[in-house]
Amino acid sequence: MRTISLAITGGSGVQYSLRLLQCLLAANCRVNLMVSRAAAVVINTETEFKLPEDESLWGSWFCQHYQVDAEQLRYYSREDWFSPVASGSSHCAPLVICPASGGTLSAIACGASNNLIERAADVVLKERKPLLLVPREMPYSAIHLENMLKLTQLGAIVMPASPGFYHNPKSIEDLIDFVVARILDQLGIEQSIMPRWGE
């Protein structure tokens, strides 16, 4: 079972991350899931889902929602420093941060590591493993652009949530799937939610 780490931070567009999580689990991946407090607010605001107020229940909530067990979907809280994503001496899985808030980009770019998401990104960078960052902010300030350039130079892949329209989307779900399919492609995970160009 392949392992992928997924962090959801406080930018708008959690629909991308929730769909990505669904696709990763359907592809029989083991997922290390991290959710920032700001992301929980966005989930409760932008979707019909309501996470429990008690963060210790979030892991079981996600497992129940996606109908998987805690072995396949492992939830880690923001200060779980004993989790495998906190150290390069564990199996270092690729990390996707979707959506990646401007604050998260800034923290990773300067190596802040003030919470588990930032630390996980720091570990992935130092271990030279794939780090996919999916910002959804717009317009970008010079600070955002400088941080994204720095992170790209450090080896991260910056994938703004900018869906294409050449596949003639019929719904919001089609636009979400466009972005999610590109993320899956970068991870090398087979996907059939979006036809490839020329197919």
N, C-alpha and C. Protein backbone atom coordinates (compact mmCIF):
# COMPACT_ATOMS: atom_id res chain seq x y z
N MET A 1 0.85 -1.19 0.00
CA MET A 1 0.00 0.00 0.00
C MET A 1 0.89 1.24 0.00
N ARG A 2 0.74 2.08 -1.02
CA ARG A 2 1.54 3.29 -1.11
C ARG A 2 1.05 4.34 -0.11
N THR A 3 1.96 5.11 0.46
CA THR A 3 1.62 6.12 1.45
C THR A 3 1.79 7.51 0.86
N ILE A 4 0.79 8.35 1.06
CA ILE A 4 0.82 9.75 0.66
C ILE A 4 0.41 10.58 1.88
N SER A 5 1.12 11.66 2.12
CA SER A 5 0.72 12.59 3.18
C SER A 5 -0.07 13.73 2.55
N LEU A 6 -1.15 14.11 3.21
CA LEU A 6 -2.01 15.19 2.72
C LEU A 6 -2.28 16.16 3.86
N ALA A 7 -1.95 17.42 3.63
CA ALA A 7 -2.24 18.47 4.61
C ALA A 7 -3.23 19.45 4.01
N ILE A 8 -4.22 19.80 4.80
CA ILE A 8 -5.23 20.77 4.38
C ILE A 8 -5.04 22.01 5.25
N THR A 9 -4.76 23.16 4.61
CA THR A 9 -4.58 24.38 5.38
C THR A 9 -5.72 25.34 5.08
N GLY A 10 -5.63 26.55 5.62
CA GLY A 10 -6.80 27.42 5.71
C GLY A 10 -7.15 28.25 4.51
N GLY A 11 -6.74 27.87 3.32
CA GLY A 11 -7.18 28.60 2.15
C GLY A 11 -8.54 28.13 1.69
N SER A 12 -9.25 29.00 0.99
CA SER A 12 -10.50 28.58 0.38
C SER A 12 -10.21 27.50 -0.65
N GLY A 13 -11.18 26.64 -0.90
CA GLY A 13 -11.00 25.59 -1.89
C GLY A 13 -10.76 24.21 -1.30
N VAL A 14 -11.32 23.95 -0.12
CA VAL A 14 -11.14 22.62 0.48
C VAL A 14 -11.79 21.53 -0.35
N GLN A 15 -12.66 21.92 -1.28
CA GLN A 15 -13.26 20.91 -2.16
C GLN A 15 -12.20 20.14 -2.93
N TYR A 16 -11.11 20.79 -3.29
CA TYR A 16 -10.01 20.11 -3.97
C TYR A 16 -9.41 19.04 -3.08
N SER A 17 -9.14 19.39 -1.83
CA SER A 17 -8.47 18.44 -0.93
C SER A 17 -9.39 17.28 -0.56
N LEU A 18 -10.66 17.56 -0.35
CA LEU A 18 -11.58 16.49 0.01
C LEU A 18 -11.77 15.50 -1.14
N ARG A 19 -11.81 16.02 -2.36
CA ARG A 19 -11.90 15.13 -3.53
C ARG A 19 -10.59 14.36 -3.72
N LEU A 20 -9.47 15.03 -3.50
CA LEU A 20 -8.18 14.35 -3.60
C LEU A 20 -8.10 13.22 -2.59
N LEU A 21 -8.53 13.48 -1.37
CA LEU A 21 -8.51 12.44 -0.34
C LEU A 21 -9.36 11.26 -0.76
N GLN A 22 -10.53 11.52 -1.31
CA GLN A 22 -11.40 10.45 -1.79
C GLN A 22 -10.70 9.61 -2.85
N CYS A 23 -10.02 10.27 -3.79
CA CYS A 23 -9.34 9.56 -4.88
C CYS A 23 -8.14 8.76 -4.36
N LEU A 24 -7.40 9.30 -3.43
CA LEU A 24 -6.25 8.58 -2.87
C LEU A 24 -6.70 7.32 -2.15
N LEU A 25 -7.76 7.42 -1.39
CA LEU A 25 -8.27 6.25 -0.68
C LEU A 25 -8.82 5.22 -1.65
N ALA A 26 -9.50 5.68 -2.70
CA ALA A 26 -10.04 4.76 -3.71
C ALA A 26 -8.92 4.04 -4.46
N ALA A 27 -7.75 4.70 -4.55
CA ALA A 27 -6.59 4.09 -5.21
C ALA A 27 -5.82 3.19 -4.25
N ASN A 28 -6.40 2.93 -3.09
CA ASN A 28 -5.81 2.05 -2.07
C ASN A 28 -4.50 2.60 -1.51
N CYS A 29 -4.41 3.92 -1.44
CA CYS A 29 -3.26 4.54 -0.79
C CYS A 29 -3.52 4.65 0.71
N ARG A 30 -2.45 4.55 1.48
CA ARG A 30 -2.52 4.92 2.90
C ARG A 30 -2.26 6.42 2.97
N VAL A 31 -3.10 7.14 3.71
CA VAL A 31 -2.98 8.59 3.76
C VAL A 31 -2.68 9.05 5.18
N ASN A 32 -1.60 9.84 5.31
CA ASN A 32 -1.32 10.56 6.54
C ASN A 32 -1.99 11.92 6.42
N LEU A 33 -3.02 12.15 7.20
CA LEU A 33 -3.83 13.37 7.05
C LEU A 33 -3.55 14.35 8.17
N MET A 34 -3.36 15.61 7.78
CA MET A 34 -3.22 16.70 8.73
C MET A 34 -4.16 17.83 8.32
N VAL A 35 -4.82 18.43 9.28
CA VAL A 35 -5.79 19.50 9.01
C VAL A 35 -5.51 20.64 9.98
N SER A 36 -5.25 21.83 9.45
CA SER A 36 -5.01 22.97 10.33
C SER A 36 -6.33 23.45 10.93
N ARG A 37 -6.23 24.22 11.99
CA ARG A 37 -7.44 24.74 12.63
C ARG A 37 -8.20 25.67 11.68
N ALA A 38 -7.45 26.46 10.92
CA ALA A 38 -8.11 27.34 9.95
C ALA A 38 -8.81 26.53 8.87
N ALA A 39 -8.22 25.40 8.46
CA ALA A 39 -8.85 24.55 7.46
C ALA A 39 -10.17 23.99 7.97
N ALA A 40 -10.21 23.65 9.25
CA ALA A 40 -11.46 23.14 9.83
C ALA A 40 -12.56 24.19 9.74
N VAL A 41 -12.20 25.45 9.97
CA VAL A 41 -13.18 26.53 9.84
C VAL A 41 -13.68 26.62 8.40
N VAL A 42 -12.75 26.49 7.44
CA VAL A 42 -13.14 26.57 6.03
C VAL A 42 -14.02 25.39 5.64
N ILE A 43 -13.68 24.19 6.12
CA ILE A 43 -14.51 23.01 5.83
C ILE A 43 -15.93 23.24 6.34
N ASN A 44 -16.04 23.74 7.55
CA ASN A 44 -17.36 23.96 8.15
C ASN A 44 -18.12 25.10 7.47
N THR A 45 -17.39 26.00 6.81
CA THR A 45 -18.01 27.16 6.16
C THR A 45 -18.36 26.89 4.70
N GLU A 46 -17.45 26.22 3.98
CA GLU A 46 -17.60 26.07 2.53
C GLU A 46 -18.29 24.79 2.10
N THR A 47 -18.46 23.86 3.02
CA THR A 47 -19.06 22.58 2.65
C THR A 47 -20.23 22.27 3.57
N GLU A 48 -20.90 21.18 3.25
CA GLU A 48 -22.01 20.74 4.10
C GLU A 48 -21.51 19.94 5.30
N PHE A 49 -20.21 19.69 5.37
CA PHE A 49 -19.65 18.90 6.45
C PHE A 49 -19.43 19.76 7.70
N LYS A 50 -19.53 19.15 8.84
CA LYS A 50 -19.27 19.82 10.11
C LYS A 50 -18.34 18.95 10.94
N LEU A 51 -17.09 19.36 11.04
CA LEU A 51 -16.14 18.63 11.88
C LEU A 51 -16.51 18.83 13.34
N PRO A 52 -16.26 17.82 14.17
CA PRO A 52 -16.51 17.99 15.60
C PRO A 52 -15.65 19.12 16.17
N GLU A 53 -16.16 19.77 17.22
CA GLU A 53 -15.37 20.82 17.86
C GLU A 53 -14.11 20.25 18.49
N ASP A 54 -14.18 19.04 18.97
CA ASP A 54 -13.05 18.38 19.61
C ASP A 54 -12.14 17.77 18.53
N GLU A 55 -10.93 18.33 18.38
CA GLU A 55 -10.03 17.86 17.32
C GLU A 55 -9.65 16.39 17.49
N SER A 56 -9.69 15.88 18.71
CA SER A 56 -9.33 14.47 18.91
C SER A 56 -10.30 13.53 18.21
N LEU A 57 -11.45 14.05 17.78
CA LEU A 57 -12.45 13.23 17.09
C LEU A 57 -12.36 13.35 15.57
N TRP A 58 -11.48 14.22 15.09
CA TRP A 58 -11.42 14.45 13.64
C TRP A 58 -11.00 13.20 12.88
N GLY A 59 -10.05 12.46 13.41
CA GLY A 59 -9.59 11.25 12.73
C GLY A 59 -10.72 10.26 12.51
N SER A 60 -11.48 9.99 13.56
CA SER A 60 -12.59 9.04 13.43
C SER A 60 -13.68 9.60 12.53
N TRP A 61 -13.86 10.93 12.54
CA TRP A 61 -14.86 11.55 11.67
C TRP A 61 -14.49 11.31 10.20
N PHE A 62 -13.23 11.55 9.84
CA PHE A 62 -12.81 11.34 8.46
C PHE A 62 -12.90 9.87 8.06
N CYS A 63 -12.50 8.97 8.96
CA CYS A 63 -12.59 7.54 8.65
C CYS A 63 -14.04 7.12 8.41
N GLN A 64 -14.93 7.62 9.25
CA GLN A 64 -16.34 7.27 9.10
C GLN A 64 -16.91 7.85 7.81
N HIS A 65 -16.55 9.10 7.51
CA HIS A 65 -17.08 9.75 6.32
C HIS A 65 -16.63 9.03 5.04
N TYR A 66 -15.35 8.63 5.00
CA TYR A 66 -14.82 7.97 3.81
C TYR A 66 -14.90 6.45 3.89
N GLN A 67 -15.44 5.94 4.97
CA GLN A 67 -15.68 4.51 5.17
C GLN A 67 -14.39 3.69 5.00
N VAL A 68 -13.36 4.13 5.70
CA VAL A 68 -12.10 3.40 5.74
C VAL A 68 -11.68 3.26 7.20
N ASP A 69 -10.69 2.39 7.44
CA ASP A 69 -10.24 2.23 8.82
C ASP A 69 -9.05 3.13 9.11
N ALA A 70 -8.69 3.19 10.37
CA ALA A 70 -7.62 4.08 10.82
C ALA A 70 -6.25 3.61 10.36
N GLU A 71 -6.15 2.42 9.83
CA GLU A 71 -4.88 1.95 9.27
C GLU A 71 -4.64 2.58 7.89
N GLN A 72 -5.71 2.78 7.13
CA GLN A 72 -5.56 3.39 5.81
C GLN A 72 -5.56 4.91 5.89
N LEU A 73 -6.33 5.46 6.79
CA LEU A 73 -6.42 6.92 6.94
C LEU A 73 -5.97 7.29 8.34
N ARG A 74 -4.74 7.78 8.43
CA ARG A 74 -4.14 8.10 9.73
C ARG A 74 -4.17 9.61 9.92
N TYR A 75 -4.84 10.04 10.96
CA TYR A 75 -4.94 11.48 11.23
C TYR A 75 -3.92 11.87 12.30
N TYR A 76 -3.22 13.00 12.05
CA TYR A 76 -2.24 13.51 13.01
C TYR A 76 -2.55 14.97 13.33
N SER A 77 -2.57 15.30 14.62
CA SER A 77 -2.87 16.65 15.06
C SER A 77 -1.66 17.56 14.90
N ARG A 78 -1.87 18.83 15.06
CA ARG A 78 -0.86 19.84 14.73
C ARG A 78 0.41 19.76 15.58
N GLU A 79 0.35 19.10 16.72
CA GLU A 79 1.54 18.99 17.57
C GLU A 79 1.89 17.54 17.88
N ASP A 80 1.57 16.65 16.97
CA ASP A 80 1.89 15.23 17.15
C ASP A 80 3.31 15.00 16.63
N TRP A 81 4.28 15.37 17.46
CA TRP A 81 5.69 15.32 17.03
C TRP A 81 6.23 13.89 16.95
N PHE A 82 5.46 12.91 17.42
CA PHE A 82 5.89 11.52 17.32
C PHE A 82 5.31 10.82 16.09
N SER A 83 4.60 11.57 15.26
CA SER A 83 4.05 10.98 14.04
C SER A 83 5.17 10.75 13.03
N PRO A 84 4.99 9.81 12.11
CA PRO A 84 6.06 9.52 11.13
C PRO A 84 6.41 10.69 10.23
N VAL A 85 5.46 11.60 9.98
CA VAL A 85 5.75 12.72 9.08
C VAL A 85 6.67 13.75 9.71
N ALA A 86 6.92 13.64 11.02
CA ALA A 86 7.74 14.63 11.73
C ALA A 86 9.22 14.35 11.64
N SER A 87 9.61 13.21 11.06
CA SER A 87 11.03 12.85 11.05
C SER A 87 11.43 12.18 9.75
N GLY A 88 12.58 12.57 9.26
CA GLY A 88 13.11 11.95 8.05
C GLY A 88 13.60 10.54 8.28
N SER A 89 13.74 10.12 9.54
CA SER A 89 14.19 8.76 9.82
C SER A 89 13.08 7.74 9.66
N SER A 90 11.83 8.21 9.49
CA SER A 90 10.74 7.30 9.16
C SER A 90 10.64 7.21 7.65
N HIS A 91 9.70 6.40 7.16
CA HIS A 91 9.46 6.36 5.72
C HIS A 91 8.89 7.70 5.31
N CYS A 92 9.62 8.44 4.51
CA CYS A 92 9.22 9.80 4.13
C CYS A 92 8.36 9.75 2.87
N ALA A 93 7.07 9.95 3.04
CA ALA A 93 6.13 9.88 1.92
C ALA A 93 6.01 11.23 1.22
N PRO A 94 5.62 11.23 -0.04
CA PRO A 94 5.32 12.50 -0.71
C PRO A 94 4.24 13.26 0.07
N LEU A 95 4.34 14.58 0.04
CA LEU A 95 3.41 15.43 0.77
C LEU A 95 2.71 16.38 -0.19
N VAL A 96 1.38 16.42 -0.09
CA VAL A 96 0.58 17.38 -0.83
C VAL A 96 -0.05 18.33 0.18
N ILE A 97 0.09 19.63 -0.02
CA ILE A 97 -0.59 20.61 0.82
C ILE A 97 -1.61 21.29 -0.07
N CYS A 98 -2.88 21.01 0.20
CA CYS A 98 -3.98 21.42 -0.68
C CYS A 98 -5.22 21.75 0.15
N PRO A 99 -5.70 22.98 0.11
CA PRO A 99 -5.02 24.14 -0.45
C PRO A 99 -3.88 24.58 0.46
N ALA A 100 -2.91 25.26 -0.13
CA ALA A 100 -1.77 25.79 0.63
C ALA A 100 -1.99 27.28 0.82
N SER A 101 -2.25 27.69 2.04
CA SER A 101 -2.48 29.11 2.32
C SER A 101 -1.19 29.91 2.14
N GLY A 102 -1.34 31.22 1.97
CA GLY A 102 -0.18 32.08 1.86
C GLY A 102 0.71 32.01 3.09
N GLY A 103 0.09 31.92 4.26
CA GLY A 103 0.86 31.81 5.49
C GLY A 103 1.65 30.52 5.55
N THR A 104 1.07 29.43 5.06
CA THR A 104 1.77 28.15 5.03
C THR A 104 2.96 28.20 4.08
N LEU A 105 2.76 28.79 2.90
CA LEU A 105 3.87 28.95 1.95
C LEU A 105 5.01 29.73 2.59
N SER A 106 4.66 30.80 3.28
CA SER A 106 5.68 31.63 3.92
C SER A 106 6.45 30.86 4.98
N ALA A 107 5.72 30.13 5.82
CA ALA A 107 6.36 29.38 6.90
C ALA A 107 7.30 28.31 6.36
N ILE A 108 6.86 27.61 5.31
CA ILE A 108 7.70 26.55 4.74
C ILE A 108 8.93 27.16 4.07
N ALA A 109 8.74 28.27 3.38
CA ALA A 109 9.84 28.91 2.66
C ALA A 109 10.96 29.35 3.61
N CYS A 110 10.59 29.70 4.85
CA CYS A 110 11.63 30.14 5.79
C CYS A 110 11.96 29.07 6.82
N GLY A 111 11.39 27.86 6.68
CA GLY A 111 11.73 26.75 7.58
C GLY A 111 11.22 26.92 8.99
N ALA A 112 10.03 27.52 9.15
CA ALA A 112 9.52 27.82 10.50
C ALA A 112 9.27 26.57 11.34
N SER A 113 8.57 25.59 10.80
CA SER A 113 8.28 24.34 11.51
C SER A 113 7.61 24.55 12.86
N ASN A 114 6.63 25.46 12.90
CA ASN A 114 5.93 25.75 14.15
C ASN A 114 4.80 24.78 14.45
N ASN A 115 4.40 23.99 13.46
CA ASN A 115 3.36 22.97 13.68
C ASN A 115 3.71 21.77 12.81
N LEU A 116 2.91 20.71 12.92
CA LEU A 116 3.25 19.47 12.23
C LEU A 116 3.24 19.61 10.71
N ILE A 117 2.32 20.40 10.17
CA ILE A 117 2.26 20.57 8.72
C ILE A 117 3.55 21.22 8.22
N GLU A 118 3.96 22.28 8.88
CA GLU A 118 5.19 22.96 8.49
C GLU A 118 6.40 22.04 8.66
N ARG A 119 6.44 21.28 9.75
CA ARG A 119 7.54 20.36 9.99
C ARG A 119 7.56 19.25 8.93
N ALA A 120 6.39 18.73 8.59
CA ALA A 120 6.32 17.68 7.57
C ALA A 120 6.87 18.18 6.24
N ALA A 121 6.54 19.41 5.88
CA ALA A 121 7.06 19.98 4.64
C ALA A 121 8.57 20.16 4.72
N ASP A 122 9.07 20.59 5.86
CA ASP A 122 10.51 20.74 6.07
C ASP A 122 11.22 19.41 5.90
N VAL A 123 10.64 18.35 6.45
CA VAL A 123 11.22 17.01 6.34
C VAL A 123 11.25 16.56 4.89
N VAL A 124 10.15 16.74 4.18
CA VAL A 124 10.08 16.30 2.78
C VAL A 124 11.12 17.04 1.93
N LEU A 125 11.29 18.33 2.18
CA LEU A 125 12.29 19.09 1.42
C LEU A 125 13.70 18.61 1.71
N LYS A 126 14.01 18.41 2.99
CA LYS A 126 15.38 18.02 3.31
C LYS A 126 15.69 16.60 2.86
N GLU A 127 14.66 15.76 2.78
CA GLU A 127 14.86 14.39 2.32
C GLU A 127 14.74 14.26 0.81
N ARG A 128 14.52 15.40 0.14
CA ARG A 128 14.41 15.43 -1.33
C ARG A 128 13.29 14.54 -1.85
N LYS A 129 12.15 14.58 -1.16
CA LYS A 129 10.97 13.84 -1.59
C LYS A 129 9.97 14.82 -2.21
N PRO A 130 8.98 14.32 -2.95
CA PRO A 130 8.02 15.23 -3.60
C PRO A 130 7.20 16.04 -2.60
N LEU A 131 7.16 17.35 -2.83
CA LEU A 131 6.31 18.27 -2.08
C LEU A 131 5.48 19.04 -3.09
N LEU A 132 4.16 18.82 -3.07
CA LEU A 132 3.24 19.49 -3.99
C LEU A 132 2.45 20.53 -3.21
N LEU A 133 2.52 21.76 -3.66
CA LEU A 133 1.84 22.87 -3.01
C LEU A 133 0.76 23.40 -3.94
N VAL A 134 -0.47 23.47 -3.44
CA VAL A 134 -1.61 23.87 -4.27
C VAL A 134 -2.22 25.16 -3.71
N PRO A 135 -1.62 26.32 -4.04
CA PRO A 135 -2.21 27.57 -3.57
C PRO A 135 -3.46 27.92 -4.36
N ARG A 136 -4.41 28.58 -3.70
CA ARG A 136 -5.62 29.00 -4.40
C ARG A 136 -5.83 30.51 -4.29
N GLU A 137 -4.95 31.18 -3.57
CA GLU A 137 -5.05 32.64 -3.40
C GLU A 137 -4.98 33.35 -4.74
N MET A 138 -5.64 34.50 -4.84
CA MET A 138 -5.48 35.36 -6.00
C MET A 138 -6.04 36.72 -5.67
N PRO A 139 -5.41 37.79 -6.17
CA PRO A 139 -4.16 37.80 -6.91
C PRO A 139 -2.98 37.53 -5.98
N TYR A 140 -1.84 37.18 -6.56
CA TYR A 140 -0.63 36.94 -5.78
C TYR A 140 0.09 38.27 -5.52
N SER A 141 0.55 38.43 -4.30
CA SER A 141 1.43 39.56 -4.00
C SER A 141 2.86 39.17 -4.35
N ALA A 142 3.76 40.14 -4.34
CA ALA A 142 5.17 39.84 -4.58
C ALA A 142 5.70 38.88 -3.52
N ILE A 143 5.17 38.96 -2.32
CA ILE A 143 5.59 38.05 -1.25
C ILE A 143 5.22 36.62 -1.60
N HIS A 144 3.98 36.42 -2.07
CA HIS A 144 3.55 35.08 -2.48
C HIS A 144 4.44 34.55 -3.59
N LEU A 145 4.69 35.38 -4.59
CA LEU A 145 5.48 34.96 -5.74
C LEU A 145 6.92 34.65 -5.35
N GLU A 146 7.48 35.46 -4.47
CA GLU A 146 8.85 35.19 -4.01
C GLU A 146 8.91 33.88 -3.25
N ASN A 147 7.91 33.63 -2.41
CA ASN A 147 7.89 32.37 -1.65
C ASN A 147 7.73 31.17 -2.57
N MET A 148 6.87 31.29 -3.58
CA MET A 148 6.68 30.18 -4.51
C MET A 148 7.92 29.93 -5.34
N LEU A 149 8.62 31.02 -5.74
CA LEU A 149 9.87 30.85 -6.48
C LEU A 149 10.91 30.17 -5.61
N LYS A 150 11.03 30.60 -4.37
CA LYS A 150 12.01 30.00 -3.46
C LYS A 150 11.71 28.52 -3.25
N LEU A 151 10.44 28.20 -3.04
CA LEU A 151 10.07 26.81 -2.81
C LEU A 151 10.29 25.96 -4.05
N THR A 152 10.04 26.52 -5.23
CA THR A 152 10.31 25.80 -6.47
C THR A 152 11.81 25.53 -6.61
N GLN A 153 12.61 26.51 -6.28
CA GLN A 153 14.06 26.33 -6.34
C GLN A 153 14.56 25.30 -5.33
N LEU A 154 13.82 25.13 -4.24
CA LEU A 154 14.16 24.12 -3.24
C LEU A 154 13.68 22.72 -3.62
N GLY A 155 12.92 22.62 -4.71
CA GLY A 155 12.48 21.31 -5.19
C GLY A 155 11.00 21.05 -5.10
N ALA A 156 10.24 21.97 -4.51
CA ALA A 156 8.79 21.78 -4.42
C ALA A 156 8.15 22.00 -5.79
N ILE A 157 6.97 21.44 -5.96
CA ILE A 157 6.18 21.65 -7.18
C ILE A 157 4.98 22.51 -6.80
N VAL A 158 4.89 23.70 -7.37
CA VAL A 158 3.79 24.61 -7.08
C VAL A 158 2.73 24.43 -8.16
N MET A 159 1.54 24.06 -7.73
CA MET A 159 0.44 23.77 -8.65
C MET A 159 -0.78 24.61 -8.28
N PRO A 160 -0.85 25.86 -8.71
CA PRO A 160 -2.03 26.67 -8.37
C PRO A 160 -3.31 25.98 -8.81
N ALA A 161 -4.34 26.13 -8.01
CA ALA A 161 -5.63 25.51 -8.34
C ALA A 161 -6.29 26.31 -9.45
N SER A 162 -5.78 26.13 -10.66
CA SER A 162 -6.25 26.87 -11.84
C SER A 162 -6.75 25.87 -12.87
N PRO A 163 -8.02 25.48 -12.79
CA PRO A 163 -8.53 24.46 -13.72
C PRO A 163 -8.57 24.97 -15.15
N GLY A 164 -8.32 24.06 -16.08
CA GLY A 164 -8.46 24.37 -17.50
C GLY A 164 -9.91 24.20 -17.95
N PHE A 165 -10.19 24.67 -19.14
CA PHE A 165 -11.57 24.58 -19.66
C PHE A 165 -11.64 23.86 -21.00
N TYR A 166 -10.48 23.35 -21.46
CA TYR A 166 -10.48 22.73 -22.78
C TYR A 166 -11.20 21.38 -22.79
N HIS A 167 -11.52 20.83 -21.60
CA HIS A 167 -12.27 19.57 -21.55
C HIS A 167 -13.78 19.82 -21.49
N ASN A 168 -14.17 21.10 -21.70
CA ASN A 168 -15.59 21.46 -21.75
C ASN A 168 -16.32 21.03 -20.47
N PRO A 169 -15.92 21.60 -19.31
CA PRO A 169 -16.54 21.20 -18.04
C PRO A 169 -18.03 21.52 -18.01
N LYS A 170 -18.77 20.61 -17.40
CA LYS A 170 -20.21 20.77 -17.29
C LYS A 170 -20.65 21.14 -15.86
N SER A 171 -19.73 21.04 -14.91
CA SER A 171 -20.10 21.26 -13.51
C SER A 171 -18.89 21.73 -12.72
N ILE A 172 -19.15 22.20 -11.51
CA ILE A 172 -18.07 22.56 -10.61
C ILE A 172 -17.21 21.33 -10.31
N GLU A 173 -17.85 20.18 -10.21
CA GLU A 173 -17.11 18.94 -9.95
C GLU A 173 -16.10 18.66 -11.06
N ASP A 174 -16.45 18.97 -12.30
CA ASP A 174 -15.52 18.79 -13.41
C ASP A 174 -14.29 19.67 -13.25
N LEU A 175 -14.48 20.90 -12.76
CA LEU A 175 -13.37 21.82 -12.55
C LEU A 175 -12.48 21.34 -11.41
N ILE A 176 -13.10 20.83 -10.36
CA ILE A 176 -12.35 20.28 -9.24
C ILE A 176 -11.53 19.08 -9.71
N ASP A 177 -12.16 18.21 -10.48
CA ASP A 177 -11.47 16.99 -10.95
C ASP A 177 -10.29 17.32 -11.85
N PHE A 178 -10.36 18.42 -12.59
CA PHE A 178 -9.23 18.80 -13.43
C PHE A 178 -7.97 19.00 -12.59
N VAL A 179 -8.12 19.74 -11.50
CA VAL A 179 -6.98 20.02 -10.62
C VAL A 179 -6.53 18.75 -9.91
N VAL A 180 -7.49 17.99 -9.38
CA VAL A 180 -7.16 16.77 -8.65
C VAL A 180 -6.45 15.77 -9.56
N ALA A 181 -6.90 15.65 -10.80
CA ALA A 181 -6.26 14.73 -11.74
C ALA A 181 -4.80 15.10 -11.98
N ARG A 182 -4.52 16.40 -12.08
CA ARG A 182 -3.14 16.84 -12.29
C ARG A 182 -2.27 16.51 -11.07
N ILE A 183 -2.85 16.62 -9.88
CA ILE A 183 -2.11 16.27 -8.67
C ILE A 183 -1.80 14.77 -8.67
N LEU A 184 -2.79 13.96 -8.99
CA LEU A 184 -2.59 12.51 -9.04
C LEU A 184 -1.53 12.15 -10.07
N ASP A 185 -1.55 12.84 -11.21
CA ASP A 185 -0.53 12.60 -12.23
C ASP A 185 0.87 12.88 -11.68
N GLN A 186 1.02 13.97 -10.95
CA GLN A 186 2.32 14.32 -10.39
C GLN A 186 2.78 13.28 -9.37
N LEU A 187 1.83 12.66 -8.69
CA LEU A 187 2.15 11.62 -7.71
C LEU A 187 2.38 10.26 -8.36
N GLY A 188 2.09 10.14 -9.64
CA GLY A 188 2.24 8.87 -10.33
C GLY A 188 1.16 7.87 -9.97
N ILE A 189 -0.01 8.38 -9.63
CA ILE A 189 -1.15 7.52 -9.26
C ILE A 189 -2.13 7.50 -10.42
N GLU A 190 -2.45 6.32 -10.89
CA GLU A 190 -3.37 6.18 -12.01
C GLU A 190 -4.72 6.82 -11.68
N GLN A 191 -5.25 7.55 -12.65
CA GLN A 191 -6.54 8.20 -12.44
C GLN A 191 -7.36 8.12 -13.72
N SER A 192 -8.67 8.06 -13.55
CA SER A 192 -9.57 8.02 -14.71
C SER A 192 -10.64 9.11 -14.59
N ILE A 193 -10.43 10.06 -13.69
CA ILE A 193 -11.46 11.10 -13.49
C ILE A 193 -11.38 12.18 -14.55
N MET A 194 -10.25 12.24 -15.28
CA MET A 194 -10.08 13.27 -16.30
C MET A 194 -9.29 12.69 -17.47
N PRO A 195 -9.85 12.73 -18.69
CA PRO A 195 -9.10 12.19 -19.83
C PRO A 195 -7.85 13.01 -20.10
N ARG A 196 -6.80 12.36 -20.56
CA ARG A 196 -5.58 13.06 -20.89
C ARG A 196 -5.70 13.74 -22.26
N TRP A 197 -4.90 14.74 -22.45
CA TRP A 197 -4.90 15.46 -23.72
C TRP A 197 -4.63 14.49 -24.87
N GLY A 198 -5.46 14.55 -25.88
CA GLY A 198 -5.29 13.71 -27.04
C GLY A 198 -6.01 12.37 -26.94
N GLU A 199 -6.56 12.05 -25.75
CA GLU A 199 -7.28 10.78 -25.61
C GLU A 199 -8.75 10.97 -25.92
